[in-house]
Amino acid sequence: MIDTACKPLAEHFAERRAEGLVDIKFYVHASTGATVEKACAEAQTLFAAREAAQPFVFGDRRTK
């Protein structure tokens, strides 16, 4: 299960390492009900949302 849940995240980090990523850490505490699979899925969701986000364009003089 861990391989299936975390493979997309591992691939994402491999791409980022090629771009200069040095280190990243996630702290998973069993007391919160978190699992490695859930942490991987949530992190992947956050990274996917960030990549899909569009910047705000206000049309002011500071926007290029």
PDB file of N, CA and C in Angstrom:
ATOM      1  N   MET A   1       0.824  -1.209   0.000  1.00  0.00           N
ATOM      2  CA  MET A   1       0.000   0.000   0.000  1.00  0.00           C
ATOM      3  C   MET A   1       0.854   1.252   0.000  1.00  0.00           C
ATOM      4  N   ILE A   2       1.938   1.254   0.758  1.00  0.00           N
ATOM      5  CA  ILE A   2       2.779   2.446   0.819  1.00  0.00           C
ATOM      6  C   ILE A   2       3.357   2.770  -0.553  1.00  0.00           C
ATOM      7  N   ASP A   3       3.804   1.749  -1.290  1.00  0.00           N
ATOM      8  CA  ASP A   3       4.362   1.994  -2.610  1.00  0.00           C
ATOM      9  C   ASP A   3       3.340   2.644  -3.532  1.00  0.00           C
ATOM     10  N   THR A   4       2.102   2.154  -3.506  1.00  0.00           N
ATOM     11  CA  THR A   4       1.050   2.696  -4.366  1.00  0.00           C
ATOM     12  C   THR A   4       0.684   4.114  -3.968  1.00  0.00           C
ATOM     13  N   ALA A   5       0.549   4.368  -2.689  1.00  0.00           N
ATOM     14  CA  ALA A   5       0.128   5.683  -2.212  1.00  0.00           C
ATOM     15  C   ALA A   5       1.225   6.729  -2.357  1.00  0.00           C
ATOM     16  N   CYS A   6       2.468   6.338  -2.203  1.00  0.00           N
ATOM     17  CA  CYS A   6       3.561   7.311  -2.168  1.00  0.00           C
ATOM     18  C   CYS A   6       4.356   7.409  -3.467  1.00  0.00           C
ATOM     19  N   LYS A   7       4.098   6.534  -4.420  1.00  0.00           N
ATOM     20  CA  LYS A   7       4.865   6.564  -5.668  1.00  0.00           C
ATOM     21  C   LYS A   7       4.732   7.903  -6.406  1.00  0.00           C
ATOM     22  N   PRO A   8       3.516   8.452  -6.583  1.00  0.00           N
ATOM     23  CA  PRO A   8       3.425   9.748  -7.269  1.00  0.00           C
ATOM     24  C   PRO A   8       4.191  10.859  -6.541  1.00  0.00           C
ATOM     25  N   LEU A   9       4.162  10.816  -5.217  1.00  0.00           N
ATOM     26  CA  LEU A   9       4.884  11.820  -4.436  1.00  0.00           C
ATOM     27  C   LEU A   9       6.390  11.641  -4.596  1.00  0.00           C
ATOM     28  N   ALA A  10       6.855  10.400  -4.593  1.00  0.00           N
ATOM     29  CA  ALA A  10       8.278  10.129  -4.800  1.00  0.00           C
ATOM     30  C   ALA A  10       8.729  10.602  -6.174  1.00  0.00           C
ATOM     31  N   GLU A  11       7.895  10.408  -7.187  1.00  0.00           N
ATOM     32  CA  GLU A  11       8.227  10.878  -8.533  1.00  0.00           C
ATOM     33  C   GLU A  11       8.280  12.404  -8.575  1.00  0.00           C
ATOM     34  N   HIS A  12       7.347  13.039  -7.873  1.00  0.00           N
ATOM     35  CA  HIS A  12       7.329  14.510  -7.796  1.00  0.00           C
ATOM     36  C   HIS A  12       8.634  15.020  -7.184  1.00  0.00           C
ATOM     37  N   PHE A  13       9.062  14.400  -6.088  1.00  0.00           N
ATOM     38  CA  PHE A  13      10.295  14.831  -5.437  1.00  0.00           C
ATOM     39  C   PHE A  13      11.523  14.523  -6.280  1.00  0.00           C
ATOM     40  N   ALA A  14      11.496  13.455  -7.042  1.00  0.00           N
ATOM     41  CA  ALA A  14      12.619  13.149  -7.939  1.00  0.00           C
ATOM     42  C   ALA A  14      12.774  14.248  -8.982  1.00  0.00           C
ATOM     43  N   GLU A  15      11.651  14.731  -9.504  1.00  0.00           N
ATOM     44  CA  GLU A  15      11.695  15.842 -10.466  1.00  0.00           C
ATOM     45  C   GLU A  15      12.238  17.104  -9.792  1.00  0.00           C
ATOM     46  N   ARG A  16      11.795  17.365  -8.580  1.00  0.00           N
ATOM     47  CA  ARG A  16      12.248  18.560  -7.864  1.00  0.00           C
ATOM     48  C   ARG A  16      13.732  18.464  -7.504  1.00  0.00           C
ATOM     49  N   ARG A  17      14.229  17.266  -7.178  1.00  0.00           N
ATOM     50  CA  ARG A  17      15.663  17.095  -6.902  1.00  0.00           C
ATOM     51  C   ARG A  17      16.483  17.472  -8.128  1.00  0.00           C
ATOM     52  N   ALA A  18      15.978  17.123  -9.309  1.00  0.00           N
ATOM     53  CA  ALA A  18      16.671  17.484 -10.545  1.00  0.00           C
ATOM     54  C   ALA A  18      16.708  19.000 -10.725  1.00  0.00           C
ATOM     55  N   GLU A  19      15.763  19.694 -10.096  1.00  0.00           N
ATOM     56  CA  GLU A  19      15.698  21.163 -10.168  1.00  0.00           C
ATOM     57  C   GLU A  19      16.381  21.834  -8.974  1.00  0.00           C
ATOM     58  N   GLY A  20      16.958  21.027  -8.067  1.00  0.00           N
ATOM     59  CA  GLY A  20      17.709  21.609  -6.966  1.00  0.00           C
ATOM     60  C   GLY A  20      17.149  21.394  -5.577  1.00  0.00           C
ATOM     61  N   LEU A  21      16.048  20.663  -5.426  1.00  0.00           N
ATOM     62  CA  LEU A  21      15.513  20.379  -4.098  1.00  0.00           C
ATOM     63  C   LEU A  21      16.565  19.641  -3.281  1.00  0.00           C
ATOM     64  N   VAL A  22      16.788  20.100  -2.066  1.00  0.00           N
ATOM     65  CA  VAL A  22      17.792  19.484  -1.210  1.00  0.00           C
ATOM     66  C   VAL A  22      17.155  18.517  -0.219  1.00  0.00           C
ATOM     67  N   ASP A  23      16.092  18.944   0.460  1.00  0.00           N
ATOM     68  CA  ASP A  23      15.529  18.114   1.510  1.00  0.00           C
ATOM     69  C   ASP A  23      14.094  18.539   1.786  1.00  0.00           C
ATOM     70  N   ILE A  24      13.286  17.591   2.212  1.00  0.00           N
ATOM     71  CA  ILE A  24      11.924  17.874   2.653  1.00  0.00           C
ATOM     72  C   ILE A  24      11.556  16.813   3.681  1.00  0.00           C
ATOM     73  N   LYS A  25      10.808  17.217   4.688  1.00  0.00           N
ATOM     74  CA  LYS A  25      10.439  16.284   5.753  1.00  0.00           C
ATOM     75  C   LYS A  25       8.954  16.408   6.055  1.00  0.00           C
ATOM     76  N   PHE A  26       8.373  15.289   6.426  1.00  0.00           N
ATOM     77  CA  PHE A  26       7.003  15.244   6.910  1.00  0.00           C
ATOM     78  C   PHE A  26       7.029  14.509   8.235  1.00  0.00           C
ATOM     79  N   TYR A  27       6.393  15.045   9.229  1.00  0.00           N
ATOM     80  CA  TYR A  27       6.322  14.403  10.533  1.00  0.00           C
ATOM     81  C   TYR A  27       4.922  13.829  10.704  1.00  0.00           C
ATOM     82  N   VAL A  28       4.826  12.518  10.776  1.00  0.00           N
ATOM     83  CA  VAL A  28       3.552  11.829  10.893  1.00  0.00           C
ATOM     84  C   VAL A  28       3.459  11.256  12.300  1.00  0.00           C
ATOM     85  N   HIS A  29       2.432  11.677  13.037  1.00  0.00           N
ATOM     86  CA  HIS A  29       2.239  11.218  14.410  1.00  0.00           C
ATOM     87  C   HIS A  29       1.058  10.254  14.460  1.00  0.00           C
ATOM     88  N   ALA A  30       1.305   9.073  14.933  1.00  0.00           N
ATOM     89  CA  ALA A  30       0.256   8.057  15.011  1.00  0.00           C
ATOM     90  C   ALA A  30      -0.888   8.499  15.921  1.00  0.00           C
ATOM     91  N   SER A  31      -0.616   9.327  16.899  1.00  0.00           N
ATOM     92  CA  SER A  31      -1.660   9.746  17.837  1.00  0.00           C
ATOM     93  C   SER A  31      -2.742  10.582  17.164  1.00  0.00           C
ATOM     94  N   THR A  32      -2.455  11.145  15.995  1.00  0.00           N
ATOM     95  CA  THR A  32      -3.447  11.947  15.271  1.00  0.00           C
ATOM     96  C   THR A  32      -4.252  11.104  14.295  1.00  0.00           C
ATOM     97  N   GLY A  33      -3.929   9.823  14.203  1.00  0.00           N
ATOM     98  CA  GLY A  33      -4.625   8.959  13.249  1.00  0.00           C
ATOM     99  C   GLY A  33      -4.009   8.996  11.865  1.00  0.00           C
ATOM    100  N   ALA A  34      -2.925   9.722  11.712  1.00  0.00           N
ATOM    101  CA  ALA A  34      -2.262   9.831  10.419  1.00  0.00           C
ATOM    102  C   ALA A  34      -1.511   8.542  10.104  1.00  0.00           C
ATOM    103  N   THR A  35      -1.464   8.234   8.841  1.00  0.00           N
ATOM    104  CA  THR A  35      -0.670   7.108   8.367  1.00  0.00           C
ATOM    105  C   THR A  35       0.249   7.618   7.265  1.00  0.00           C
ATOM    106  N   VAL A  36       1.228   6.839   6.922  1.00  0.00           N
ATOM    107  CA  VAL A  36       2.131   7.231   5.834  1.00  0.00           C
ATOM    108  C   VAL A  36       1.338   7.407   4.547  1.00  0.00           C
ATOM    109  N   GLU A  37       0.411   6.500   4.283  1.00  0.00           N
ATOM    110  CA  GLU A  37      -0.393   6.581   3.066  1.00  0.00           C
ATOM    111  C   GLU A  37      -1.209   7.870   3.020  1.00  0.00           C
ATOM    112  N   LYS A  38      -1.829   8.230   4.142  1.00  0.00           N
ATOM    113  CA  LYS A  38      -2.629   9.456   4.196  1.00  0.00           C
ATOM    114  C   LYS A  38      -1.749  10.690   4.025  1.00  0.00           C
ATOM    115  N   ALA A  39      -0.576  10.679   4.654  1.00  0.00           N
ATOM    116  CA  ALA A  39       0.333  11.820   4.528  1.00  0.00           C
ATOM    117  C   ALA A  39       0.798  11.985   3.090  1.00  0.00           C
ATOM    118  N   CYS A  40       1.126  10.896   2.422  1.00  0.00           N
ATOM    119  CA  CYS A  40       1.542  10.968   1.015  1.00  0.00           C
ATOM    120  C   CYS A  40       0.412  11.494   0.140  1.00  0.00           C
ATOM    121  N   ALA A  41      -0.786  10.985   0.344  1.00  0.00           N
ATOM    122  CA  ALA A  41      -1.928  11.422  -0.462  1.00  0.00           C
ATOM    123  C   ALA A  41      -2.226  12.900  -0.243  1.00  0.00           C
ATOM    124  N   GLU A  42      -2.183  13.350   0.996  1.00  0.00           N
ATOM    125  CA  GLU A  42      -2.465  14.752   1.280  1.00  0.00           C
ATOM    126  C   GLU A  42      -1.391  15.667   0.709  1.00  0.00           C
ATOM    127  N   ALA A  43      -0.133  15.287   0.840  1.00  0.00           N
ATOM    128  CA  ALA A  43       0.952  16.093   0.276  1.00  0.00           C
ATOM    129  C   ALA A  43       0.831  16.165  -1.239  1.00  0.00           C
ATOM    130  N   GLN A  44       0.510  15.051  -1.874  1.00  0.00           N
ATOM    131  CA  GLN A  44       0.360  15.049  -3.328  1.00  0.00           C
ATOM    132  C   GLN A  44      -0.794  15.953  -3.747  1.00  0.00           C
ATOM    133  N   THR A  45      -1.887  15.944  -2.993  1.00  0.00           N
ATOM    134  CA  THR A  45      -3.023  16.821  -3.282  1.00  0.00           C
ATOM    135  C   THR A  45      -2.619  18.288  -3.190  1.00  0.00           C
ATOM    136  N   LEU A  46      -1.837  18.633  -2.169  1.00  0.00           N
ATOM    137  CA  LEU A  46      -1.383  20.019  -2.011  1.00  0.00           C
ATOM    138  C   LEU A  46      -0.468  20.451  -3.160  1.00  0.00           C
ATOM    139  N   PHE A  47       0.471  19.589  -3.540  1.00  0.00           N
ATOM    140  CA  PHE A  47       1.372  19.930  -4.642  1.00  0.00           C
ATOM    141  C   PHE A  47       0.621  20.040  -5.970  1.00  0.00           C
ATOM    142  N   ALA A  48      -0.361  19.177  -6.195  1.00  0.00           N
ATOM    143  CA  ALA A  48      -1.161  19.238  -7.422  1.00  0.00           C
ATOM    144  C   ALA A  48      -1.969  20.534  -7.474  1.00  0.00           C
ATOM    145  N   ALA A  49      -2.535  20.934  -6.349  1.00  0.00           N
ATOM    146  CA  ALA A  49      -3.301  22.183  -6.300  1.00  0.00           C
ATOM    147  C   ALA A  49      -2.405  23.385  -6.548  1.00  0.00           C
ATOM    148  N   ARG A  50      -1.211  23.347  -6.017  1.00  0.00           N
ATOM    149  CA  ARG A  50      -0.271  24.455  -6.228  1.00  0.00           C
ATOM    150  C   ARG A  50       0.105  24.574  -7.697  1.00  0.00           C
ATOM    151  N   GLU A  51       0.336  23.449  -8.353  1.00  0.00           N
ATOM    152  CA  GLU A  51       0.699  23.488  -9.764  1.00  0.00           C
ATOM    153  C   GLU A  51      -0.458  23.956 -10.641  1.00  0.00           C
ATOM    154  N   ALA A  52      -1.695  23.687 -10.227  1.00  0.00           N
ATOM    155  CA  ALA A  52      -2.866  24.070 -11.007  1.00  0.00           C
ATOM    156  C   ALA A  52      -3.297  25.514 -10.758  1.00  0.00           C
ATOM    157  N   ALA A  53      -2.779  26.129  -9.713  1.00  0.00           N
ATOM    158  CA  ALA A  53      -3.201  27.492  -9.339  1.00  0.00           C
ATOM    159  C   ALA A  53      -2.738  28.515 -10.377  1.00  0.00           C
ATOM    160  N   GLN A  54      -3.584  29.490 -10.582  1.00  0.00           N
ATOM    161  CA  GLN A  54      -3.276  30.595 -11.485  1.00  0.00           C
ATOM    162  C   GLN A  54      -2.959  31.835 -10.649  1.00  0.00           C
ATOM    163  N   PRO A  55      -1.963  32.602 -11.052  1.00  0.00           N
ATOM    164  CA  PRO A  55      -1.653  33.812 -10.284  1.00  0.00           C
ATOM    165  C   PRO A  55      -2.761  34.862 -10.445  1.00  0.00           C
ATOM    166  N   PHE A  56      -2.929  35.679  -9.421  1.00  0.00           N
ATOM    167  CA  PHE A  56      -3.872  36.786  -9.501  1.00  0.00           C
ATOM    168  C   PHE A  56      -3.291  37.875 -10.391  1.00  0.00           C
ATOM    169  N   VAL A  57      -4.119  38.419 -11.258  1.00  0.00           N
ATOM    170  CA  VAL A  57      -3.705  39.539 -12.102  1.00  0.00           C
ATOM    171  C   VAL A  57      -4.685  40.665 -11.835  1.00  0.00           C
ATOM    172  N   PHE A  58      -4.191  41.717 -11.193  1.00  0.00           N
ATOM    173  CA  PHE A  58      -5.056  42.823 -10.821  1.00  0.00           C
ATOM    174  C   PHE A  58      -5.095  43.917 -11.881  1.00  0.00           C
ATOM    175  N   GLY A  59      -4.189  43.875 -12.841  1.00  0.00           N
ATOM    176  CA  GLY A  59      -4.186  44.862 -13.900  1.00  0.00           C
ATOM    177  C   GLY A  59      -3.657  46.213 -13.453  1.00  0.00           C
ATOM    178  N   ASP A  60      -2.949  46.265 -12.337  1.00  0.00           N
ATOM    179  CA  ASP A  60      -2.394  47.534 -11.901  1.00  0.00           C
ATOM    180  C   ASP A  60      -1.042  47.760 -12.569  1.00  0.00           C
ATOM    181  N   ARG A  61      -0.422  48.872 -12.294  1.00  0.00           N
ATOM    182  CA  ARG A  61       0.809  49.222 -12.972  1.00  0.00           C
ATOM    183  C   ARG A  61       1.998  48.362 -12.543  1.00  0.00           C
ATOM    184  N   ARG A  62       1.867  47.604 -11.475  1.00  0.00           N
ATOM    185  CA  ARG A  62       2.968  46.767 -11.021  1.00  0.00           C
ATOM    186  C   ARG A  62       2.928  45.372 -11.647  1.00  0.00           C
ATOM    187  N   THR A  63       1.840  45.044 -12.314  1.00  0.00           N
ATOM    188  CA  THR A  63       1.721  43.743 -12.962  1.00  0.00           C
ATOM    189  C   THR A  63       2.394  43.794 -14.316  1.00  0.00           C
ATOM    190  N   LYS A  64       3.254  42.831 -14.552  1.00  0.00           N
ATOM    191  CA  LYS A  64       3.925  42.796 -15.852  1.00  0.00           C
ATOM    192  C   LYS A  64       3.176  41.924 -16.805  1.00  0.00           C
TER     193      LYS A  64
END
